[in-house]
N, C-alpha and C. Protein backbone atom coordinates (compact mmCIF):
# COMPACT_ATOMS: atom_id res chain seq x y z
N MET A 1 -13.53 -40.54 -11.60
CA MET A 1 -13.02 -39.20 -12.67
C MET A 1 -13.55 -38.37 -12.42
N ALA A 2 -14.87 -38.24 -11.25
CA ALA A 2 -15.05 -36.61 -11.18
C ALA A 2 -13.96 -36.14 -10.36
N GLU A 3 -13.17 -36.73 -9.54
CA GLU A 3 -12.40 -36.22 -8.57
C GLU A 3 -11.15 -35.54 -9.17
N ASN A 4 -10.62 -36.30 -10.69
CA ASN A 4 -9.59 -36.21 -11.00
C ASN A 4 -10.16 -34.73 -12.03
N ALA A 5 -11.13 -34.71 -12.22
CA ALA A 5 -11.96 -33.04 -13.36
C ALA A 5 -11.81 -31.95 -11.96
N GLU A 6 -12.14 -32.22 -10.83
CA GLU A 6 -12.28 -31.33 -9.82
C GLU A 6 -10.97 -30.87 -9.39
N THR A 7 -10.17 -32.10 -9.65
CA THR A 7 -8.69 -31.57 -9.21
C THR A 7 -7.97 -30.70 -9.91
N ALA A 8 -8.37 -30.96 -11.40
CA ALA A 8 -8.06 -30.09 -12.60
C ALA A 8 -8.71 -28.72 -12.34
N ASP A 9 -9.51 -28.98 -12.24
CA ASP A 9 -10.38 -27.19 -12.29
C ASP A 9 -10.01 -26.48 -11.10
N THR A 10 -9.55 -27.13 -9.88
CA THR A 10 -8.89 -26.10 -8.93
C THR A 10 -7.35 -26.20 -8.94
N ALA A 11 -6.70 -26.48 -9.92
CA ALA A 11 -5.18 -26.28 -10.21
C ALA A 11 -5.64 -24.84 -11.53
N ASP A 12 -6.54 -25.25 -12.26
CA ASP A 12 -6.37 -24.08 -13.32
C ASP A 12 -7.18 -23.10 -12.56
N LYS A 13 -8.20 -23.15 -11.33
CA LYS A 13 -8.39 -21.82 -10.98
C LYS A 13 -7.30 -20.84 -10.23
N LYS A 14 -6.45 -21.84 -9.65
CA LYS A 14 -5.48 -21.57 -8.78
C LYS A 14 -4.04 -21.04 -9.62
N GLN A 15 -4.37 -21.45 -11.03
CA GLN A 15 -3.48 -20.97 -12.10
C GLN A 15 -3.76 -19.54 -12.58
N ASP A 16 -4.82 -19.30 -12.50
CA ASP A 16 -5.84 -18.38 -13.07
C ASP A 16 -5.75 -16.93 -12.00
N ARG A 17 -5.39 -17.74 -10.42
CA ARG A 17 -5.56 -16.30 -9.44
C ARG A 17 -4.04 -15.89 -9.56
N LYS A 18 -2.88 -16.68 -9.60
CA LYS A 18 -1.64 -16.27 -9.85
C LYS A 18 -1.32 -15.47 -11.06
N ALA A 19 -1.67 -15.86 -12.20
CA ALA A 19 -1.90 -14.90 -13.54
C ALA A 19 -1.84 -13.79 -13.41
N ALA A 20 -3.43 -13.46 -12.40
CA ALA A 20 -4.27 -12.45 -12.14
C ALA A 20 -3.22 -11.42 -11.67
N LYS A 21 -2.60 -12.42 -10.54
CA LYS A 21 -1.67 -11.55 -9.48
C LYS A 21 -0.60 -10.91 -10.00
N LEU A 22 0.04 -11.78 -11.21
CA LEU A 22 1.43 -11.02 -11.52
C LEU A 22 0.77 -9.99 -12.48
N ALA A 23 -0.37 -10.13 -13.08
CA ALA A 23 -0.82 -9.38 -14.19
C ALA A 23 -0.75 -7.72 -13.13
N LYS A 24 -1.31 -7.93 -12.30
CA LYS A 24 -1.54 -6.49 -11.50
C LYS A 24 -0.22 -5.89 -11.24
N GLN A 25 0.85 -6.70 -11.27
CA GLN A 25 1.90 -6.28 -10.31
C GLN A 25 2.72 -6.06 -11.95
N ILE A 26 2.57 -6.66 -12.94
CA ILE A 26 3.03 -5.96 -14.36
C ILE A 26 2.45 -4.44 -14.34
N GLY A 27 1.43 -4.38 -14.30
CA GLY A 27 0.33 -3.34 -14.86
C GLY A 27 0.89 -2.21 -13.96
N ALA A 28 1.19 -2.15 -12.69
CA ALA A 28 1.88 -1.55 -11.55
C ALA A 28 3.29 -1.08 -12.01
N PHE A 29 3.79 -1.88 -12.41
CA PHE A 29 5.31 -1.70 -12.97
C PHE A 29 5.43 -0.79 -13.91
N ALA A 30 4.11 -1.27 -15.02
CA ALA A 30 4.27 -0.43 -16.45
C ALA A 30 3.62 1.44 -15.90
N ARG A 31 2.86 1.28 -15.33
CA ARG A 31 2.54 2.77 -14.58
C ARG A 31 3.35 3.30 -14.03
N GLN A 32 4.18 2.65 -13.19
CA GLN A 32 5.16 3.21 -12.60
C GLN A 32 6.34 4.01 -13.43
N HIS A 33 6.64 3.26 -14.73
CA HIS A 33 7.70 3.24 -15.58
C HIS A 33 7.38 4.29 -16.97
N GLY A 34 5.91 4.59 -17.04
CA GLY A 34 5.18 4.99 -18.62
C GLY A 34 5.12 4.02 -19.36
N GLY A 35 5.17 2.73 -19.02
CA GLY A 35 4.64 1.69 -19.77
C GLY A 35 5.75 0.64 -19.63
N ALA A 36 5.56 -0.33 -20.17
CA ALA A 36 6.26 -1.25 -20.29
C ALA A 36 6.29 -2.46 -21.49
N GLU A 37 7.49 -3.32 -21.70
CA GLU A 37 7.30 -4.28 -22.54
C GLU A 37 8.01 -5.30 -21.98
N GLY A 38 7.89 -6.73 -22.42
CA GLY A 38 8.67 -7.79 -21.85
C GLY A 38 9.32 -8.88 -22.40
N GLN A 39 9.66 -9.84 -22.01
CA GLN A 39 10.23 -11.00 -22.54
C GLN A 39 10.11 -12.01 -21.70
N LEU A 40 9.58 -13.29 -21.87
CA LEU A 40 9.49 -14.60 -21.29
C LEU A 40 10.79 -15.44 -21.28
N ALA A 41 11.10 -16.00 -20.13
CA ALA A 41 12.47 -16.77 -20.43
C ALA A 41 11.99 -18.29 -19.54
N TYR A 42 12.09 -19.53 -20.08
CA TYR A 42 11.60 -20.89 -19.04
C TYR A 42 13.19 -20.90 -17.91
N ILE A 43 12.89 -20.78 -16.89
CA ILE A 43 13.93 -21.04 -16.25
C ILE A 43 13.70 -22.84 -15.43
N GLY A 44 13.43 -23.58 -16.20
CA GLY A 44 13.67 -24.88 -15.54
C GLY A 44 12.89 -25.37 -14.46
N GLN A 45 12.52 -25.90 -13.51
CA GLN A 45 11.51 -26.68 -12.87
C GLN A 45 10.99 -25.40 -12.05
N VAL A 46 11.96 -24.11 -11.81
CA VAL A 46 11.16 -22.94 -10.81
C VAL A 46 9.83 -22.02 -11.72
N GLY A 47 10.10 -22.22 -13.34
CA GLY A 47 9.06 -21.88 -13.72
C GLY A 47 9.41 -21.10 -14.99
N ALA A 48 9.07 -19.88 -15.03
CA ALA A 48 9.61 -18.94 -16.33
C ALA A 48 10.10 -17.54 -15.40
N ARG A 49 10.73 -16.66 -15.97
CA ARG A 49 11.09 -15.43 -15.38
C ARG A 49 9.97 -14.51 -16.78
N ILE A 50 9.76 -13.19 -15.89
CA ILE A 50 9.06 -12.29 -16.81
C ILE A 50 9.77 -10.82 -16.69
N VAL A 51 10.82 -10.92 -17.77
CA VAL A 51 11.61 -9.66 -17.69
C VAL A 51 10.58 -8.53 -18.27
N LEU A 52 10.50 -7.50 -17.28
CA LEU A 52 10.30 -5.84 -17.53
C LEU A 52 11.03 -4.84 -17.98
N VAL A 53 10.70 -4.32 -19.12
CA VAL A 53 11.61 -3.09 -19.40
C VAL A 53 10.55 -1.92 -19.52
N GLY A 54 10.86 -0.66 -18.34
CA GLY A 54 9.50 0.31 -18.84
C GLY A 54 10.11 1.16 -19.61
N THR A 55 9.26 2.42 -20.40
CA THR A 55 9.65 3.00 -21.06
C THR A 55 10.36 3.81 -21.08
N ASP A 56 10.57 4.15 -19.87
CA ASP A 56 11.68 5.08 -18.83
C ASP A 56 13.13 4.55 -18.80
N GLY A 57 13.48 3.11 -19.14
CA GLY A 57 14.23 2.54 -18.96
C GLY A 57 14.73 1.88 -17.89
N GLY A 58 13.62 1.77 -16.57
CA GLY A 58 14.12 1.05 -15.63
C GLY A 58 13.45 -0.23 -15.96
N TRP A 59 13.61 -1.43 -14.87
CA TRP A 59 13.36 -2.81 -15.50
C TRP A 59 13.50 -3.60 -14.16
N GLY A 60 12.44 -4.69 -14.15
CA GLY A 60 12.83 -5.31 -13.44
C GLY A 60 12.37 -6.85 -13.83
N ASP A 61 11.92 -7.96 -12.86
CA ASP A 61 11.29 -9.03 -13.45
C ASP A 61 10.31 -9.57 -12.28
N LEU A 62 9.94 -10.68 -12.40
CA LEU A 62 8.90 -11.53 -11.74
C LEU A 62 9.21 -12.77 -12.31
N VAL A 63 9.13 -13.69 -11.33
CA VAL A 63 8.93 -15.43 -11.56
C VAL A 63 7.52 -15.67 -11.76
N ALA A 64 7.12 -16.52 -12.70
CA ALA A 64 5.45 -17.41 -12.50
C ALA A 64 6.54 -18.97 -12.07
N PRO A 65 5.27 -19.43 -11.93
CA PRO A 65 5.42 -20.72 -11.51
C PRO A 65 5.62 -21.83 -12.68
N THR A 66 4.92 -21.54 -13.89
CA THR A 66 5.06 -22.38 -15.23
C THR A 66 5.23 -21.33 -16.34
N TYR A 67 5.35 -21.62 -17.22
CA TYR A 67 5.85 -20.58 -18.80
C TYR A 67 4.43 -20.44 -19.16
N GLY A 68 3.60 -21.38 -19.24
CA GLY A 68 2.00 -21.04 -19.03
C GLY A 68 1.37 -19.97 -18.04
N VAL A 69 1.77 -19.99 -16.95
CA VAL A 69 0.74 -19.10 -16.52
C VAL A 69 1.39 -17.46 -16.82
N ALA A 70 2.94 -17.68 -17.00
CA ALA A 70 3.86 -16.34 -17.12
C ALA A 70 2.99 -15.48 -18.67
N GLN A 71 2.59 -16.32 -19.50
CA GLN A 71 2.08 -16.45 -20.78
C GLN A 71 0.46 -15.54 -20.26
N LEU A 72 0.07 -16.24 -19.64
CA LEU A 72 -1.46 -15.79 -19.26
C LEU A 72 -1.30 -14.36 -18.64
N ALA A 73 -0.47 -14.24 -17.65
CA ALA A 73 -0.35 -12.70 -16.88
C ALA A 73 0.21 -11.82 -17.78
N ALA A 74 1.05 -12.13 -18.52
CA ALA A 74 1.25 -11.02 -19.66
C ALA A 74 0.01 -10.67 -20.97
N GLU A 75 -0.39 -11.75 -20.89
CA GLU A 75 -1.93 -11.70 -21.95
C GLU A 75 -3.26 -10.65 -20.85
N LYS A 76 -3.05 -11.04 -19.94
CA LYS A 76 -4.16 -10.12 -18.71
C LYS A 76 -3.67 -9.19 -18.70
N ALA A 77 -2.61 -8.48 -18.70
CA ALA A 77 -1.65 -7.43 -18.19
C ALA A 77 -1.56 -6.45 -19.42
N GLY A 78 -1.49 -6.85 -20.88
CA GLY A 78 -1.52 -6.29 -22.10
C GLY A 78 -0.11 -6.10 -22.58
N LEU A 79 0.90 -7.12 -22.05
CA LEU A 79 1.83 -6.78 -22.05
C LEU A 79 2.59 -7.07 -23.51
N THR A 80 3.57 -5.94 -24.13
CA THR A 80 3.88 -6.68 -25.80
C THR A 80 5.26 -7.03 -25.26
N LEU A 81 5.36 -8.72 -25.69
CA LEU A 81 6.60 -9.49 -25.35
C LEU A 81 7.52 -9.44 -26.86
N HIS A 82 8.58 -9.38 -26.34
CA HIS A 82 9.63 -9.71 -27.69
C HIS A 82 10.41 -11.26 -27.45
N GLU A 83 10.32 -12.18 -28.32
CA GLU A 83 10.96 -13.14 -28.26
C GLU A 83 12.46 -13.58 -27.93
N GLU A 84 12.87 -12.24 -27.99
CA GLU A 84 14.45 -12.16 -27.50
C GLU A 84 14.70 -11.28 -26.89
N PHE A 85 16.02 -11.56 -25.78
CA PHE A 85 16.28 -10.12 -25.04
C PHE A 85 17.43 -9.58 -25.83
N ASP A 86 17.73 -9.08 -26.82
CA ASP A 86 18.55 -8.63 -27.52
C ASP A 86 18.21 -7.50 -28.00
N GLY A 87 19.26 -6.91 -28.82
CA GLY A 87 19.21 -5.98 -29.84
C GLY A 87 18.90 -4.53 -28.88
N GLU A 88 17.58 -3.99 -29.84
CA GLU A 88 17.10 -2.55 -29.69
C GLU A 88 16.47 -2.62 -28.07
N PHE A 89 15.80 -4.04 -27.62
CA PHE A 89 14.67 -3.96 -26.72
C PHE A 89 16.01 -3.95 -25.44
N ALA A 90 16.97 -4.60 -25.11
CA ALA A 90 18.07 -4.95 -24.41
C ALA A 90 18.85 -3.40 -24.24
N ALA A 91 19.26 -2.73 -25.01
CA ALA A 91 19.72 -1.25 -25.33
C ALA A 91 18.95 -0.64 -24.59
N ARG A 92 17.40 -0.62 -24.38
CA ARG A 92 16.45 0.57 -23.48
C ARG A 92 16.78 0.35 -21.90
N VAL A 93 16.97 -0.53 -21.48
CA VAL A 93 17.61 -0.44 -20.16
C VAL A 93 18.50 0.29 -19.63
N LYS A 94 18.48 0.65 -18.52
CA LYS A 94 18.83 1.90 -17.86
C LYS A 94 19.49 1.61 -16.76
N THR A 95 21.03 1.35 -16.41
CA THR A 95 21.22 0.37 -15.29
C THR A 95 22.58 1.98 -14.77
N GLY A 96 22.51 1.50 -13.24
CA GLY A 96 23.25 2.70 -12.39
C GLY A 96 24.20 1.99 -12.02
N PRO A 97 24.47 2.60 -10.98
CA PRO A 97 26.01 2.22 -9.99
C PRO A 97 26.09 0.79 -9.23
N TYR A 98 24.39 0.85 -8.74
CA TYR A 98 24.27 -0.21 -8.13
C TYR A 98 24.48 -1.54 -9.02
N GLU A 99 23.81 -1.77 -10.61
CA GLU A 99 24.46 -3.05 -11.12
C GLU A 99 25.10 -2.91 -11.74
N TRP A 100 26.26 -2.08 -12.04
CA TRP A 100 27.48 -2.13 -12.81
C TRP A 100 28.34 -2.56 -11.70
N THR A 101 28.53 -2.23 -10.11
CA THR A 101 29.07 -2.88 -9.32
C THR A 101 28.98 -4.17 -8.86
N ARG A 102 27.79 -4.45 -9.05
CA ARG A 102 27.30 -6.02 -8.31
C ARG A 102 27.52 -6.89 -9.77
N MET A 103 27.20 -6.46 -10.98
CA MET A 103 28.15 -7.06 -12.60
C MET A 103 29.73 -7.78 -12.40
N ALA A 104 29.85 -6.72 -11.97
CA ALA A 104 31.24 -6.24 -12.03
C ALA A 104 32.23 -7.29 -11.02
N GLY A 105 31.44 -7.26 -9.57
CA GLY A 105 32.03 -7.74 -8.47
C GLY A 105 33.50 -7.10 -8.30
N ILE A 106 34.46 -7.82 -7.97
CA ILE A 106 35.46 -7.53 -7.08
C ILE A 106 36.63 -7.26 -8.48
N GLN A 107 36.12 -7.71 -9.85
CA GLN A 107 37.06 -7.32 -10.83
C GLN A 107 37.34 -5.94 -11.41
N ILE A 108 36.57 -4.76 -10.50
CA ILE A 108 36.75 -3.56 -10.72
C ILE A 108 36.84 -2.88 -9.30
N GLY A 109 37.10 -3.61 -8.12
CA GLY A 109 36.72 -2.70 -6.90
C GLY A 109 35.60 -2.64 -6.61
N GLY A 110 34.55 -3.36 -6.84
CA GLY A 110 32.86 -3.37 -6.43
C GLY A 110 32.86 -4.33 -5.69
N PRO A 111 31.58 -4.69 -4.60
CA PRO A 111 31.26 -5.73 -3.56
C PRO A 111 31.24 -7.12 -4.17
N ALA A 112 31.83 -7.74 -3.69
CA ALA A 112 31.66 -9.28 -4.63
C ALA A 112 30.69 -9.74 -4.48
N ASN A 113 29.86 -10.82 -4.72
CA ASN A 113 28.83 -11.33 -5.08
C ASN A 113 28.86 -12.37 -3.90
N PRO A 114 28.20 -12.60 -3.35
CA PRO A 114 27.99 -13.53 -2.00
C PRO A 114 28.24 -15.04 -2.53
N ALA A 115 28.84 -15.78 -1.53
CA ALA A 115 29.28 -17.02 -1.72
C ALA A 115 27.63 -17.91 -2.11
N ALA A 116 27.59 -18.85 -3.22
CA ALA A 116 26.42 -19.75 -3.19
C ALA A 116 26.59 -20.49 -1.99
């Protein structure tokens, strides 16, 4: 039993370190963009996506190994979270020519998305 408790403690410490690292990245993003808010999305076995939207409209994302680690990272960073990525929150995102050509791909003459 002691071995299981030790293994669980090691896993908890590893998750806490990962959350702390993500929290630092969230903080750096927020400082660069005049503040930030976010939304968490479960992405299956890969973990969870932390979508960040800066006050200036800049956006980015991070991937956490689990939803719990994503929640802990957001909490450590003091990130305000939204339940959904829609409406007023989504409207804050400012996209540039790169995003428009990547989203449109060959439909409007932009670069094609690479083959999977």
